[in-house]
Amino acid sequence: MSTELHPSIVALVSLAANIAANHPKQGLCQVDRLKGYGVSREQIDAVIEIARHIRDEAAQKLDASFDEAYAASAKPADPFAKIAVVESGAACCTPTPSGKSCC
């Protein structure tokens, strides 16, 4: 049994990673490879949408965390602030605008 991934899967993963990481080359090389492998534009578009959604969601969460920490730094010290609060029922991610799952 071979554990190597098909080159089109590697190119899709690489494209998504480049987009999600804001890589300067943006994964354009992978787009050309995917077209050469016969991957449909719709499939490439889906990967792009999911990667952008994950990137944007991560940026929003980082911004919210920063804003929360920044706001807390202006308040007097709260002796209960370091007590952990457990969230429940939260989804691991939200769907993209067109409804595609990123999980």
PDB file of N, CA and C in Angstrom:
ATOM      1  N   MET A   1       0.840  -1.172   0.000  1.00  0.00           N
ATOM      2  CA  MET A   1       0.000   0.000   0.000  1.00  0.00           C
ATOM      3  C   MET A   1       0.888   1.241   0.000  1.00  0.00           C
ATOM      4  N   SER A   2       0.656   2.135  -0.923  1.00  0.00           N
ATOM      5  CA  SER A   2       1.432   3.362  -1.034  1.00  0.00           C
ATOM      6  C   SER A   2       0.828   4.457  -0.167  1.00  0.00           C
ATOM      7  N   THR A   3       1.688   5.199   0.522  1.00  0.00           N
ATOM      8  CA  THR A   3       1.203   6.287   1.373  1.00  0.00           C
ATOM      9  C   THR A   3       1.412   7.652   0.726  1.00  0.00           C
ATOM     10  N   GLU A   4       1.915   7.657  -0.498  1.00  0.00           N
ATOM     11  CA  GLU A   4       2.132   8.931  -1.188  1.00  0.00           C
ATOM     12  C   GLU A   4       0.801   9.505  -1.647  1.00  0.00           C
ATOM     13  N   LEU A   5       0.678  10.814  -1.531  1.00  0.00           N
ATOM     14  CA  LEU A   5      -0.524  11.500  -1.990  1.00  0.00           C
ATOM     15  C   LEU A   5      -0.413  11.790  -3.477  1.00  0.00           C
ATOM     16  N   HIS A   6      -1.530  11.786  -4.136  1.00  0.00           N
ATOM     17  CA  HIS A   6      -1.559  12.155  -5.551  1.00  0.00           C
ATOM     18  C   HIS A   6      -1.093  13.608  -5.671  1.00  0.00           C
ATOM     19  N   PRO A   7      -0.336  13.942  -6.714  1.00  0.00           N
ATOM     20  CA  PRO A   7       0.161  15.316  -6.868  1.00  0.00           C
ATOM     21  C   PRO A   7      -0.932  16.384  -6.845  1.00  0.00           C
ATOM     22  N   SER A   8      -2.136  16.047  -7.297  1.00  0.00           N
ATOM     23  CA  SER A   8      -3.209  17.044  -7.273  1.00  0.00           C
ATOM     24  C   SER A   8      -3.645  17.338  -5.838  1.00  0.00           C
ATOM     25  N   ILE A   9      -3.608  16.329  -4.965  1.00  0.00           N
ATOM     26  CA  ILE A   9      -3.947  16.554  -3.559  1.00  0.00           C
ATOM     27  C   ILE A   9      -2.875  17.409  -2.895  1.00  0.00           C
ATOM     28  N   VAL A  10      -1.618  17.120  -3.175  1.00  0.00           N
ATOM     29  CA  VAL A  10      -0.517  17.922  -2.633  1.00  0.00           C
ATOM     30  C   VAL A  10      -0.665  19.381  -3.093  1.00  0.00           C
ATOM     31  N   ALA A  11      -0.998  19.582  -4.358  1.00  0.00           N
ATOM     32  CA  ALA A  11      -1.156  20.940  -4.882  1.00  0.00           C
ATOM     33  C   ALA A  11      -2.343  21.654  -4.229  1.00  0.00           C
ATOM     34  N   LEU A  12      -3.449  20.932  -3.981  1.00  0.00           N
ATOM     35  CA  LEU A  12      -4.606  21.539  -3.312  1.00  0.00           C
ATOM     36  C   LEU A  12      -4.258  21.944  -1.883  1.00  0.00           C
ATOM     37  N   VAL A  13      -3.559  21.061  -1.163  1.00  0.00           N
ATOM     38  CA  VAL A  13      -3.152  21.366   0.212  1.00  0.00           C
ATOM     39  C   VAL A  13      -2.197  22.550   0.224  1.00  0.00           C
ATOM     40  N   SER A  14      -1.259  22.545  -0.691  1.00  0.00           N
ATOM     41  CA  SER A  14      -0.283  23.634  -0.773  1.00  0.00           C
ATOM     42  C   SER A  14      -0.962  24.962  -1.106  1.00  0.00           C
ATOM     43  N   LEU A  15      -1.905  24.935  -2.032  1.00  0.00           N
ATOM     44  CA  LEU A  15      -2.660  26.137  -2.381  1.00  0.00           C
ATOM     45  C   LEU A  15      -3.377  26.682  -1.154  1.00  0.00           C
ATOM     46  N   ALA A  16      -4.086  25.816  -0.441  1.00  0.00           N
ATOM     47  CA  ALA A  16      -4.819  26.234   0.753  1.00  0.00           C
ATOM     48  C   ALA A  16      -3.876  26.802   1.812  1.00  0.00           C
ATOM     49  N   ALA A  17      -2.754  26.137   2.023  1.00  0.00           N
ATOM     50  CA  ALA A  17      -1.798  26.599   3.034  1.00  0.00           C
ATOM     51  C   ALA A  17      -1.212  27.956   2.664  1.00  0.00           C
ATOM     52  N   ASN A  18      -0.883  28.134   1.399  1.00  0.00           N
ATOM     53  CA  ASN A  18      -0.340  29.419   0.945  1.00  0.00           C
ATOM     54  C   ASN A  18      -1.332  30.552   1.179  1.00  0.00           C
ATOM     55  N   ILE A  19      -2.587  30.305   0.857  1.00  0.00           N
ATOM     56  CA  ILE A  19      -3.615  31.330   1.023  1.00  0.00           C
ATOM     57  C   ILE A  19      -3.852  31.600   2.507  1.00  0.00           C
ATOM     58  N   ALA A  20      -4.025  30.547   3.288  1.00  0.00           N
ATOM     59  CA  ALA A  20      -4.315  30.709   4.713  1.00  0.00           C
ATOM     60  C   ALA A  20      -3.165  31.392   5.452  1.00  0.00           C
ATOM     61  N   ALA A  21      -1.938  31.176   4.979  1.00  0.00           N
ATOM     62  CA  ALA A  21      -0.766  31.758   5.629  1.00  0.00           C
ATOM     63  C   ALA A  21      -0.399  33.134   5.070  1.00  0.00           C
ATOM     64  N   ASN A  22      -1.168  33.630   4.128  1.00  0.00           N
ATOM     65  CA  ASN A  22      -0.849  34.915   3.483  1.00  0.00           C
ATOM     66  C   ASN A  22       0.538  34.910   2.845  1.00  0.00           C
ATOM     67  N   HIS A  23       0.905  33.794   2.266  1.00  0.00           N
ATOM     68  CA  HIS A  23       2.210  33.677   1.614  1.00  0.00           C
ATOM     69  C   HIS A  23       2.277  34.654   0.430  1.00  0.00           C
ATOM     70  N   PRO A  24       3.404  35.333   0.267  1.00  0.00           N
ATOM     71  CA  PRO A  24       3.505  36.324  -0.824  1.00  0.00           C
ATOM     72  C   PRO A  24       3.244  35.762  -2.226  1.00  0.00           C
ATOM     73  N   LYS A  25       3.544  34.492  -2.445  1.00  0.00           N
ATOM     74  CA  LYS A  25       3.325  33.911  -3.776  1.00  0.00           C
ATOM     75  C   LYS A  25       1.880  33.485  -3.989  1.00  0.00           C
ATOM     76  N   GLN A  26       1.074  33.468  -2.915  1.00  0.00           N
ATOM     77  CA  GLN A  26      -0.369  33.244  -2.963  1.00  0.00           C
ATOM     78  C   GLN A  26      -0.809  31.902  -3.538  1.00  0.00           C
ATOM     79  N   GLY A  27       0.089  30.989  -3.802  1.00  0.00           N
ATOM     80  CA  GLY A  27      -0.299  29.693  -4.330  1.00  0.00           C
ATOM     81  C   GLY A  27      -0.605  29.683  -5.816  1.00  0.00           C
ATOM     82  N   LEU A  28      -0.210  30.726  -6.524  1.00  0.00           N
ATOM     83  CA  LEU A  28      -0.522  30.791  -7.961  1.00  0.00           C
ATOM     84  C   LEU A  28       0.152  29.675  -8.755  1.00  0.00           C
ATOM     85  N   CYS A  29       1.322  29.240  -8.317  1.00  0.00           N
ATOM     86  CA  CYS A  29       2.008  28.129  -8.986  1.00  0.00           C
ATOM     87  C   CYS A  29       1.156  26.856  -8.892  1.00  0.00           C
ATOM     88  N   GLN A  30       0.547  26.651  -7.721  1.00  0.00           N
ATOM     89  CA  GLN A  30      -0.290  25.470  -7.536  1.00  0.00           C
ATOM     90  C   GLN A  30      -1.539  25.528  -8.412  1.00  0.00           C
ATOM     91  N   VAL A  31      -2.074  26.714  -8.629  1.00  0.00           N
ATOM     92  CA  VAL A  31      -3.250  26.849  -9.495  1.00  0.00           C
ATOM     93  C   VAL A  31      -2.912  26.342 -10.898  1.00  0.00           C
ATOM     94  N   ASP A  32      -1.749  26.736 -11.405  1.00  0.00           N
ATOM     95  CA  ASP A  32      -1.334  26.264 -12.727  1.00  0.00           C
ATOM     96  C   ASP A  32      -1.177  24.749 -12.748  1.00  0.00           C
ATOM     97  N   ARG A  33      -0.587  24.193 -11.696  1.00  0.00           N
ATOM     98  CA  ARG A  33      -0.414  22.742 -11.622  1.00  0.00           C
ATOM     99  C   ARG A  33      -1.768  22.037 -11.573  1.00  0.00           C
ATOM    100  N   LEU A  34      -2.688  22.577 -10.772  1.00  0.00           N
ATOM    101  CA  LEU A  34      -4.008  21.964 -10.641  1.00  0.00           C
ATOM    102  C   LEU A  34      -4.744  21.953 -11.974  1.00  0.00           C
ATOM    103  N   LYS A  35      -4.638  23.040 -12.710  1.00  0.00           N
ATOM    104  CA  LYS A  35      -5.257  23.080 -14.042  1.00  0.00           C
ATOM    105  C   LYS A  35      -4.653  22.001 -14.929  1.00  0.00           C
ATOM    106  N   GLY A  36      -3.337  21.822 -14.819  1.00  0.00           N
ATOM    107  CA  GLY A  36      -2.642  20.795 -15.590  1.00  0.00           C
ATOM    108  C   GLY A  36      -3.055  19.381 -15.205  1.00  0.00           C
ATOM    109  N   TYR A  37      -3.424  19.172 -13.950  1.00  0.00           N
ATOM    110  CA  TYR A  37      -3.885  17.871 -13.487  1.00  0.00           C
ATOM    111  C   TYR A  37      -5.353  17.634 -13.811  1.00  0.00           C
ATOM    112  N   GLY A  38      -6.013  18.637 -14.375  1.00  0.00           N
ATOM    113  CA  GLY A  38      -7.420  18.479 -14.744  1.00  0.00           C
ATOM    114  C   GLY A  38      -8.401  18.748 -13.613  1.00  0.00           C
ATOM    115  N   VAL A  39      -7.942  19.402 -12.544  1.00  0.00           N
ATOM    116  CA  VAL A  39      -8.842  19.740 -11.435  1.00  0.00           C
ATOM    117  C   VAL A  39      -9.748  20.867 -11.914  1.00  0.00           C
ATOM    118  N   SER A  40     -11.028  20.725 -11.656  1.00  0.00           N
ATOM    119  CA  SER A  40     -11.992  21.713 -12.154  1.00  0.00           C
ATOM    120  C   SER A  40     -11.856  23.054 -11.445  1.00  0.00           C
ATOM    121  N   ARG A  41     -12.267  24.083 -12.138  1.00  0.00           N
ATOM    122  CA  ARG A  41     -12.243  25.433 -11.568  1.00  0.00           C
ATOM    123  C   ARG A  41     -13.126  25.498 -10.316  1.00  0.00           C
ATOM    124  N   GLU A  42     -14.246  24.789 -10.330  1.00  0.00           N
ATOM    125  CA  GLU A  42     -15.144  24.789  -9.177  1.00  0.00           C
ATOM    126  C   GLU A  42     -14.453  24.204  -7.941  1.00  0.00           C
ATOM    127  N   GLN A  43     -13.671  23.139  -8.131  1.00  0.00           N
ATOM    128  CA  GLN A  43     -12.953  22.540  -7.007  1.00  0.00           C
ATOM    129  C   GLN A  43     -11.861  23.477  -6.496  1.00  0.00           C
ATOM    130  N   ILE A  44     -11.146  24.115  -7.407  1.00  0.00           N
ATOM    131  CA  ILE A  44     -10.113  25.080  -7.016  1.00  0.00           C
ATOM    132  C   ILE A  44     -10.761  26.243  -6.276  1.00  0.00           C
ATOM    133  N   ASP A  45     -11.888  26.738  -6.799  1.00  0.00           N
ATOM    134  CA  ASP A  45     -12.605  27.843  -6.150  1.00  0.00           C
ATOM    135  C   ASP A  45     -13.043  27.469  -4.738  1.00  0.00           C
ATOM    136  N   ALA A  46     -13.487  26.229  -4.540  1.00  0.00           N
ATOM    137  CA  ALA A  46     -13.920  25.779  -3.213  1.00  0.00           C
ATOM    138  C   ALA A  46     -12.750  25.795  -2.236  1.00  0.00           C
ATOM    139  N   VAL A  47     -11.589  25.315  -2.682  1.00  0.00           N
ATOM    140  CA  VAL A  47     -10.399  25.312  -1.823  1.00  0.00           C
ATOM    141  C   VAL A  47      -9.989  26.739  -1.481  1.00  0.00           C
ATOM    142  N   ILE A  48     -10.028  27.622  -2.459  1.00  0.00           N
ATOM    143  CA  ILE A  48      -9.682  29.036  -2.224  1.00  0.00           C
ATOM    144  C   ILE A  48     -10.640  29.655  -1.211  1.00  0.00           C
ATOM    145  N   GLU A  49     -11.931  29.396  -1.369  1.00  0.00           N
ATOM    146  CA  GLU A  49     -12.925  29.961  -0.457  1.00  0.00           C
ATOM    147  C   GLU A  49     -12.712  29.463   0.971  1.00  0.00           C
ATOM    148  N   ILE A  50     -12.483  28.170   1.129  1.00  0.00           N
ATOM    149  CA  ILE A  50     -12.279  27.605   2.458  1.00  0.00           C
ATOM    150  C   ILE A  50     -11.004  28.164   3.090  1.00  0.00           C
ATOM    151  N   ALA A  51      -9.924  28.227   2.330  1.00  0.00           N
ATOM    152  CA  ALA A  51      -8.652  28.740   2.861  1.00  0.00           C
ATOM    153  C   ALA A  51      -8.777  30.205   3.273  1.00  0.00           C
ATOM    154  N   ARG A  52      -9.436  31.002   2.454  1.00  0.00           N
ATOM    155  CA  ARG A  52      -9.631  32.417   2.805  1.00  0.00           C
ATOM    156  C   ARG A  52     -10.504  32.553   4.043  1.00  0.00           C
ATOM    157  N   HIS A  53     -11.517  31.711   4.147  1.00  0.00           N
ATOM    158  CA  HIS A  53     -12.401  31.763   5.307  1.00  0.00           C
ATOM    159  C   HIS A  53     -11.631  31.439   6.588  1.00  0.00           C
ATOM    160  N   ILE A  54     -10.814  30.397   6.540  1.00  0.00           N
ATOM    161  CA  ILE A  54     -10.014  30.024   7.713  1.00  0.00           C
ATOM    162  C   ILE A  54      -9.040  31.148   8.059  1.00  0.00           C
ATOM    163  N   ARG A  55      -8.382  31.711   7.058  1.00  0.00           N
ATOM    164  CA  ARG A  55      -7.451  32.823   7.290  1.00  0.00           C
ATOM    165  C   ARG A  55      -8.170  34.006   7.925  1.00  0.00           C
ATOM    166  N   ASP A  56      -9.322  34.372   7.374  1.00  0.00           N
ATOM    167  CA  ASP A  56     -10.062  35.532   7.872  1.00  0.00           C
ATOM    168  C   ASP A  56     -10.610  35.282   9.273  1.00  0.00           C
ATOM    169  N   GLU A  57     -11.092  34.067   9.519  1.00  0.00           N
ATOM    170  CA  GLU A  57     -11.615  33.726  10.836  1.00  0.00           C
ATOM    171  C   GLU A  57     -10.500  33.777  11.880  1.00  0.00           C
ATOM    172  N   ALA A  58      -9.319  33.277  11.529  1.00  0.00           N
ATOM    173  CA  ALA A  58      -8.180  33.321  12.454  1.00  0.00           C
ATOM    174  C   ALA A  58      -7.795  34.764  12.756  1.00  0.00           C
ATOM    175  N   ALA A  59      -7.778  35.618  11.745  1.00  0.00           N
ATOM    176  CA  ALA A  59      -7.436  37.030  11.957  1.00  0.00           C
ATOM    177  C   ALA A  59      -8.456  37.708  12.862  1.00  0.00           C
ATOM    178  N   GLN A  60      -9.731  37.412  12.668  1.00  0.00           N
ATOM    179  CA  GLN A  60     -10.775  38.002  13.510  1.00  0.00           C
ATOM    180  C   GLN A  60     -10.617  37.561  14.964  1.00  0.00           C
ATOM    181  N   LYS A  61     -10.305  36.281  15.169  1.00  0.00           N
ATOM    182  CA  LYS A  61     -10.140  35.782  16.531  1.00  0.00           C
ATOM    183  C   LYS A  61      -8.903  36.390  17.189  1.00  0.00           C
ATOM    184  N   LEU A  62      -7.821  36.544  16.426  1.00  0.00           N
ATOM    185  CA  LEU A  62      -6.626  37.189  16.967  1.00  0.00           C
ATOM    186  C   LEU A  62      -6.908  38.638  17.318  1.00  0.00           C
ATOM    187  N   ASP A  63      -7.617  39.335  16.434  1.00  0.00           N
ATOM    188  CA  ASP A  63      -7.972  40.729  16.709  1.00  0.00           C
ATOM    189  C   ASP A  63      -8.837  40.839  17.956  1.00  0.00           C
ATOM    190  N   ALA A  64      -9.813  39.961  18.093  1.00  0.00           N
ATOM    191  CA  ALA A  64     -10.695  39.991  19.259  1.00  0.00           C
ATOM    192  C   ALA A  64      -9.905  39.701  20.532  1.00  0.00           C
ATOM    193  N   SER A  65      -8.987  38.744  20.477  1.00  0.00           N
ATOM    194  CA  SER A  65      -8.154  38.416  21.632  1.00  0.00           C
ATOM    195  C   SER A  65      -7.272  39.601  22.004  1.00  0.00           C
ATOM    196  N   PHE A  66      -6.691  40.240  21.004  1.00  0.00           N
ATOM    197  CA  PHE A  66      -5.864  41.425  21.250  1.00  0.00           C
ATOM    198  C   PHE A  66      -6.697  42.535  21.871  1.00  0.00           C
ATOM    199  N   ASP A  67      -7.860  42.806  21.276  1.00  0.00           N
ATOM    200  CA  ASP A  67      -8.727  43.868  21.787  1.00  0.00           C
ATOM    201  C   ASP A  67      -9.131  43.601  23.233  1.00  0.00           C
ATOM    202  N   GLU A  68      -9.430  42.343  23.544  1.00  0.00           N
ATOM    203  CA  GLU A  68      -9.816  41.973  24.903  1.00  0.00           C
ATOM    204  C   GLU A  68      -8.652  42.200  25.872  1.00  0.00           C
ATOM    205  N   ALA A  69      -7.454  41.768  25.489  1.00  0.00           N
ATOM    206  CA  ALA A  69      -6.282  41.939  26.346  1.00  0.00           C
ATOM    207  C   ALA A  69      -5.945  43.420  26.508  1.00  0.00           C
ATOM    208  N   TYR A  70      -6.073  44.169  25.428  1.00  0.00           N
ATOM    209  CA  TYR A  70      -5.792  45.602  25.472  1.00  0.00           C
ATOM    210  C   TYR A  70      -6.785  46.312  26.391  1.00  0.00           C
ATOM    211  N   ALA A  71      -8.054  45.974  26.268  1.00  0.00           N
ATOM    212  CA  ALA A  71      -9.074  46.586  27.119  1.00  0.00           C
ATOM    213  C   ALA A  71      -8.840  46.214  28.583  1.00  0.00           C
ATOM    214  N   ALA A  72      -8.455  44.965  28.833  1.00  0.00           N
ATOM    215  CA  ALA A  72      -8.208  44.517  30.207  1.00  0.00           C
ATOM    216  C   ALA A  72      -7.015  45.235  30.828  1.00  0.00           C
ATOM    217  N   SER A  73      -6.050  45.617  29.994  1.00  0.00           N
ATOM    218  CA  SER A  73      -4.858  46.288  30.528  1.00  0.00           C
ATOM    219  C   SER A  73      -5.183  47.688  31.051  1.00  0.00           C
ATOM    220  N   ALA A  74      -6.305  48.247  30.660  1.00  0.00           N
ATOM    221  CA  ALA A  74      -6.692  49.577  31.100  1.00  0.00           C
ATOM    222  C   ALA A  74      -7.558  49.541  32.355  1.00  0.00           C
ATOM    223  N   LYS A  75      -7.979  48.350  32.759  1.00  0.00           N
ATOM    224  CA  LYS A  75      -8.868  48.202  33.916  1.00  0.00           C
ATOM    225  C   LYS A  75      -8.050  47.883  35.164  1.00  0.00           C
ATOM    226  N   PRO A  76      -8.592  48.198  36.346  1.00  0.00           N
ATOM    227  CA  PRO A  76      -7.910  47.785  37.575  1.00  0.00           C
ATOM    228  C   PRO A  76      -7.830  46.260  37.665  1.00  0.00           C
ATOM    229  N   ALA A  77      -6.855  45.765  38.355  1.00  0.00           N
ATOM    230  CA  ALA A  77      -6.654  44.319  38.479  1.00  0.00           C
ATOM    231  C   ALA A  77      -7.875  43.654  39.114  1.00  0.00           C
ATOM    232  N   ASP A  78      -8.297  42.543  38.526  1.00  0.00           N
ATOM    233  CA  ASP A  78      -9.423  41.764  39.034  1.00  0.00           C
ATOM    234  C   ASP A  78      -8.862  40.469  39.621  1.00  0.00           C
ATOM    235  N   PRO A  79      -9.053  40.205  40.916  1.00  0.00           N
ATOM    236  CA  PRO A  79      -8.469  38.991  41.504  1.00  0.00           C
ATOM    237  C   PRO A  79      -9.036  37.700  40.922  1.00  0.00           C
ATOM    238  N   PHE A  80     -10.195  37.764  40.271  1.00  0.00           N
ATOM    239  CA  PHE A  80     -10.797  36.558  39.695  1.00  0.00           C
ATOM    240  C   PHE A  80     -10.527  36.422  38.193  1.00  0.00           C
ATOM    241  N   ALA A  81      -9.768  37.327  37.622  1.00  0.00           N
ATOM    242  CA  ALA A  81      -9.544  37.353  36.176  1.00  0.00           C
ATOM    243  C   ALA A  81      -8.823  36.115  35.655  1.00  0.00           C
ATOM    244  N   LYS A  82      -8.016  35.465  36.474  1.00  0.00           N
ATOM    245  CA  LYS A  82      -7.237  34.317  35.992  1.00  0.00           C
ATOM    246  C   LYS A  82      -7.928  32.978  36.204  1.00  0.00           C
ATOM    247  N   ILE A  83      -9.169  33.009  36.657  1.00  0.00           N
ATOM    248  CA  ILE A  83      -9.921  31.767  36.812  1.00  0.00           C
ATOM    249  C   ILE A  83     -10.437  31.352  35.447  1.00  0.00           C
ATOM    250  N   ALA A  84     -10.127  30.129  35.047  1.00  0.00           N
ATOM    251  CA  ALA A  84     -10.503  29.646  33.718  1.00  0.00           C
ATOM    252  C   ALA A  84     -12.008  29.472  33.602  1.00  0.00           C
ATOM    253  N   VAL A  85     -12.514  29.824  32.446  1.00  0.00           N
ATOM    254  CA  VAL A  85     -13.922  29.628  32.130  1.00  0.00           C
ATOM    255  C   VAL A  85     -13.994  28.648  30.984  1.00  0.00           C
ATOM    256  N   VAL A  86     -14.754  27.591  31.138  1.00  0.00           N
ATOM    257  CA  VAL A  86     -14.876  26.561  30.115  1.00  0.00           C
ATOM    258  C   VAL A  86     -16.088  26.869  29.254  1.00  0.00           C
ATOM    259  N   GLU A  87     -15.855  26.948  27.938  1.00  0.00           N
ATOM    260  CA  GLU A  87     -16.963  27.143  27.009  1.00  0.00           C
ATOM    261  C   GLU A  87     -17.465  25.779  26.568  1.00  0.00           C
ATOM    262  N   SER A  88     -18.748  25.695  26.285  1.00  0.00           N
ATOM    263  CA  SER A  88     -19.285  24.433  25.798  1.00  0.00           C
ATOM    264  C   SER A  88     -20.195  24.689  24.613  1.00  0.00           C
ATOM    265  N   GLY A  89     -20.272  23.706  23.759  1.00  0.00           N
ATOM    266  CA  GLY A  89     -21.187  23.773  22.628  1.00  0.00           C
ATOM    267  C   GLY A  89     -20.701  24.626  21.474  1.00  0.00           C
ATOM    268  N   ALA A  90     -19.475  25.132  21.511  1.00  0.00           N
ATOM    269  CA  ALA A  90     -18.981  25.962  20.415  1.00  0.00           C
ATOM    270  C   ALA A  90     -18.521  25.075  19.259  1.00  0.00           C
ATOM    271  N   ALA A  91     -18.823  25.502  18.064  1.00  0.00           N
ATOM    272  CA  ALA A  91     -18.401  24.758  16.878  1.00  0.00           C
ATOM    273  C   ALA A  91     -16.902  24.943  16.685  1.00  0.00           C
ATOM    274  N   CYS A  92     -16.257  23.972  16.017  1.00  0.00           N
ATOM    275  CA  CYS A  92     -14.812  24.100  15.791  1.00  0.00           C
ATOM    276  C   CYS A  92     -14.524  25.177  14.757  1.00  0.00           C
ATOM    277  N   CYS A  93     -15.483  25.469  13.918  1.00  0.00           N
ATOM    278  CA  CYS A  93     -15.326  26.554  12.960  1.00  0.00           C
ATOM    279  C   CYS A  93     -16.722  26.919  12.422  1.00  0.00           C
ATOM    280  N   THR A  94     -16.760  27.994  11.713  1.00  0.00           N
ATOM    281  CA  THR A  94     -18.030  28.404  11.109  1.00  0.00           C
ATOM    282  C   THR A  94     -17.973  28.123   9.616  1.00  0.00           C
ATOM    283  N   PRO A  95     -19.097  27.959   8.956  1.00  0.00           N
ATOM    284  CA  PRO A  95     -19.063  27.696   7.514  1.00  0.00           C
ATOM    285  C   PRO A  95     -18.654  28.947   6.734  1.00  0.00           C
ATOM    286  N   THR A  96     -18.184  28.721   5.517  1.00  0.00           N
ATOM    287  CA  THR A  96     -17.845  29.830   4.624  1.00  0.00           C
ATOM    288  C   THR A  96     -19.150  30.527   4.211  1.00  0.00           C
ATOM    289  N   PRO A  97     -19.050  31.706   3.583  1.00  0.00           N
ATOM    290  CA  PRO A  97     -20.257  32.414   3.176  1.00  0.00           C
ATOM    291  C   PRO A  97     -21.199  31.598   2.289  1.00  0.00           C
ATOM    292  N   SER A  98     -20.648  30.699   1.481  1.00  0.00           N
ATOM    293  CA  SER A  98     -21.519  29.892   0.622  1.00  0.00           C
ATOM    294  C   SER A  98     -21.992  28.610   1.306  1.00  0.00           C
ATOM    295  N   GLY A  99     -21.594  28.427   2.594  1.00  0.00           N
ATOM    296  CA  GLY A  99     -22.061  27.270   3.344  1.00  0.00           C
ATOM    297  C   GLY A  99     -21.132  26.080   3.359  1.00  0.00           C
ATOM    298  N   LYS A 100     -19.911  26.193   2.783  1.00  0.00           N
ATOM    299  CA  LYS A 100     -18.959  25.081   2.788  1.00  0.00           C
ATOM    300  C   LYS A 100     -18.371  24.924   4.186  1.00  0.00           C
ATOM    301  N   SER A 101     -18.197  23.697   4.629  1.00  0.00           N
ATOM    302  CA  SER A 101     -17.607  23.421   5.926  1.00  0.00           C
ATOM    303  C   SER A 101     -16.092  23.454   5.804  1.00  0.00           C
ATOM    304  N   CYS A 102     -15.438  24.026   6.812  1.00  0.00           N
ATOM    305  CA  CYS A 102     -13.969  24.029   6.823  1.00  0.00           C
ATOM    306  C   CYS A 102     -13.435  23.034   7.849  1.00  0.00           C
ATOM    307  N   CYS A 103     -14.305  22.246   8.463  1.00  0.00           N
ATOM    308  CA  CYS A 103     -13.881  21.258   9.471  1.00  0.00           C
ATOM    309  C   CYS A 103     -14.033  19.858   8.897  1.00  0.00           C
TER     310      CYS A 103
END
